[in-house]
C-alpha atoms as a PDB file:
ATOM      1  CA  UNK A   1       0.292 -10.958  24.089  1.00  0.00           C
ATOM      2  CA  UNK A   2       3.229 -11.895  21.970  1.00  0.00           C
ATOM      3  CA  UNK A   3       0.855 -13.056  18.994  1.00  0.00           C
ATOM      4  CA  UNK A   4      -0.529  -9.361  19.066  1.00  0.00           C
ATOM      5  CA  UNK A   5       2.458  -7.481  19.288  1.00  0.00           C
ATOM      6  CA  UNK A   6       4.022  -9.491  16.389  1.00  0.00           C
ATOM      7  CA  UNK A   7       1.141  -8.975  14.213  1.00  0.00           C
ATOM      8  CA  UNK A   8       1.294  -5.202  15.190  1.00  0.00           C
ATOM      9  CA  UNK A   9       5.019  -5.457  13.901  1.00  0.00           C
ATOM     10  CA  UNK A  10       4.305  -6.768  10.954  1.00  0.00           C
ATOM     11  CA  UNK A  11       1.228  -3.964  10.005  1.00  0.00           C
ATOM     12  CA  UNK A  12       3.421  -1.153  10.752  1.00  0.00           C
ATOM     13  CA  UNK A  13       6.201  -2.925   8.708  1.00  0.00           C
ATOM     14  CA  UNK A  14       4.650  -2.902   5.943  1.00  0.00           C
ATOM     15  CA  UNK A  15       4.133   0.263   5.926  1.00  0.00           C
ATOM     16  CA  UNK A  16       7.162   1.965   6.426  1.00  0.00           C
ATOM     17  CA  UNK A  17       8.079  -0.140   3.222  1.00  0.00           C
ATOM     18  CA  UNK A  18       4.975   1.114   1.649  1.00  0.00           C
ATOM     19  CA  UNK A  19       5.955   4.682   2.517  1.00  0.00           C
ATOM     20  CA  UNK A  20       9.582   4.486   1.317  1.00  0.00           C
ATOM     21  CA  UNK A  21       9.338   1.394  -1.791  1.00  0.00           C
ATOM     22  CA  UNK A  22      12.378   1.884  -3.323  1.00  0.00           C
ATOM     23  CA  UNK A  23      14.563   1.789   0.214  1.00  0.00           C
ATOM     24  CA  UNK A  24      16.352  -1.579   2.422  1.00  0.00           C
ATOM     25  CA  UNK A  25      16.423  -1.708   5.849  1.00  0.00           C
ATOM     26  CA  UNK A  26      18.914  -3.065   8.581  1.00  0.00           C
ATOM     27  CA  UNK A  27      16.221  -4.801  11.757  1.00  0.00           C
ATOM     28  CA  UNK A  28      17.796  -1.987  13.798  1.00  0.00           C
ATOM     29  CA  UNK A  29      16.737   0.543  12.099  1.00  0.00           C
ATOM     30  CA  UNK A  30      13.376  -0.674  11.478  1.00  0.00           C
ATOM     31  CA  UNK A  31      13.236  -1.127  15.473  1.00  0.00           C
ATOM     32  CA  UNK A  32      14.003   2.280  16.361  1.00  0.00           C
ATOM     33  CA  UNK A  33      11.130   3.935  13.133  1.00  0.00           C
ATOM     34  CA  UNK A  34       8.599   2.047  14.535  1.00  0.00           C
ATOM     35  CA  UNK A  35       9.973   2.346  18.463  1.00  0.00           C
ATOM     36  CA  UNK A  36      10.650  -0.868  19.361  1.00  0.00           C
ATOM     37  CA  UNK A  37      11.570  -0.740  22.567  1.00  0.00           C
ATOM     38  CA  UNK A  38      13.767  -3.973  24.791  1.00  0.00           C
ATOM     39  CA  UNK A  39      15.292  -7.138  23.994  1.00  0.00           C
ATOM     40  CA  UNK A  40      11.699  -8.992  23.709  1.00  0.00           C
ATOM     41  CA  UNK A  41      10.063  -6.954  21.314  1.00  0.00           C
ATOM     42  CA  UNK A  42      13.430  -6.983  19.212  1.00  0.00           C
ATOM     43  CA  UNK A  43      13.150 -10.329  19.141  1.00  0.00           C
ATOM     44  CA  UNK A  44       9.322  -9.933  18.330  1.00  0.00           C
ATOM     45  CA  UNK A  45      10.110  -7.900  15.302  1.00  0.00           C
ATOM     46  CA  UNK A  46      12.784  -9.802  14.058  1.00  0.00           C
ATOM     47  CA  UNK A  47       9.759 -13.514  14.035  1.00  0.00           C
ATOM     48  CA  UNK A  48       7.850 -10.983  12.224  1.00  0.00           C
ATOM     49  CA  UNK A  49      10.840  -9.913   9.788  1.00  0.00           C
ATOM     50  CA  UNK A  50      10.923 -13.837   9.529  1.00  0.00           C
ATOM     51  CA  UNK A  51       7.432 -14.798   8.388  1.00  0.00           C
ATOM     52  CA  UNK A  52       6.409 -11.664   5.681  1.00  0.00           C
ATOM     53  CA  UNK A  53      10.164 -12.928   4.188  1.00  0.00           C
ATOM     54  CA  UNK A  54       8.746 -16.032   3.994  1.00  0.00           C
ATOM     55  CA  UNK A  55       4.920 -15.373   3.365  1.00  0.00           C
ATOM     56  CA  UNK A  56       6.579 -13.269   0.344  1.00  0.00           C
ATOM     57  CA  UNK A  57       5.598  -9.980   1.353  1.00  0.00           C
ATOM     58  CA  UNK A  58       8.769  -8.336   1.774  1.00  0.00           C
ATOM     59  CA  UNK A  59      11.787  -9.356   0.347  1.00  0.00           C
ATOM     60  CA  UNK A  60      15.468  -9.635   2.045  1.00  0.00           C
ATOM     61  CA  UNK A  61      18.624  -7.712   0.430  1.00  0.00           C
ATOM     62  CA  UNK A  62      21.874  -8.560   0.739  1.00  0.00           C
ATOM     63  CA  UNK A  63      23.653  -7.729   4.189  1.00  0.00           C
ATOM     64  CA  UNK A  64      20.809  -8.747   5.997  1.00  0.00           C
ATOM     65  CA  UNK A  65      18.483  -5.486   4.813  1.00  0.00           C
ATOM     66  CA  UNK A  66      15.055  -5.949   4.436  1.00  0.00           C
ATOM     67  CA  UNK A  67      12.208  -4.216   2.003  1.00  0.00           C
ATOM     68  CA  UNK A  68       9.626  -4.296  -0.835  1.00  0.00           C
ATOM     69  CA  UNK A  69       9.522  -8.058  -2.447  1.00  0.00           C
ATOM     70  CA  UNK A  70      10.090  -6.375  -5.822  1.00  0.00           C
ATOM     71  CA  UNK A  71      10.551  -2.656  -6.081  1.00  0.00           C
ATOM     72  CA  UNK A  72       7.405  -1.310  -8.079  1.00  0.00           C
ATOM     73  CA  UNK A  73       9.050  -0.568 -11.841  1.00  0.00           C
ATOM     74  CA  UNK A  74      10.533   2.695 -13.412  1.00  0.00           C
ATOM     75  CA  UNK A  75      10.496   1.556 -16.648  1.00  0.00           C
ATOM     76  CA  UNK A  76       7.802   1.446 -19.023  1.00  0.00           C
ATOM     77  CA  UNK A  77       7.479  -1.191 -22.274  1.00  0.00           C
ATOM     78  CA  UNK A  78       6.317  -0.671 -24.723  1.00  0.00           C
ATOM     79  CA  UNK A  79       6.927   0.535 -28.997  1.00  0.00           C
ATOM     80  CA  UNK A  80       7.435   4.386 -30.426  1.00  0.00           C
ATOM     81  CA  UNK A  81       7.226   4.956 -34.007  1.00  0.00           C
ATOM     82  CA  UNK A  82       8.519   7.724 -35.123  1.00  0.00           C
ATOM     83  CA  UNK A  83       8.144   9.544 -38.983  1.00  0.00           C
ATOM     84  CA  UNK A  84      11.023  11.444 -40.345  1.00  0.00           C
ATOM     85  CA  UNK A  85       9.826  14.837 -39.108  1.00  0.00           C
ATOM     86  CA  UNK A  86       9.815  13.286 -35.748  1.00  0.00           C
ATOM     87  CA  UNK A  87       6.220  13.345 -34.620  1.00  0.00           C
ATOM     88  CA  UNK A  88       4.790   9.154 -33.681  1.00  0.00           C
ATOM     89  CA  UNK A  89       2.042   8.134 -35.414  1.00  0.00           C
END
């Protein structure tokens, strides 16, 4: 039963982080969003977060916050070539 809940909480947590890719959550916030009830279930959630962090599927930020391991990049790298008229080649 606990291994089933552990896997369920892992999947729900990954879905939550996919929905909010640039946001970090405290474990209590995660518990509220995925409807974890009771102290025993909360401990299972903490274990799931620890395992996901060890597997590097999620990252741990400062002040006990969890989120994506590597947030999606919004920067582009490359080379821009301009002429005097302001148009590119």
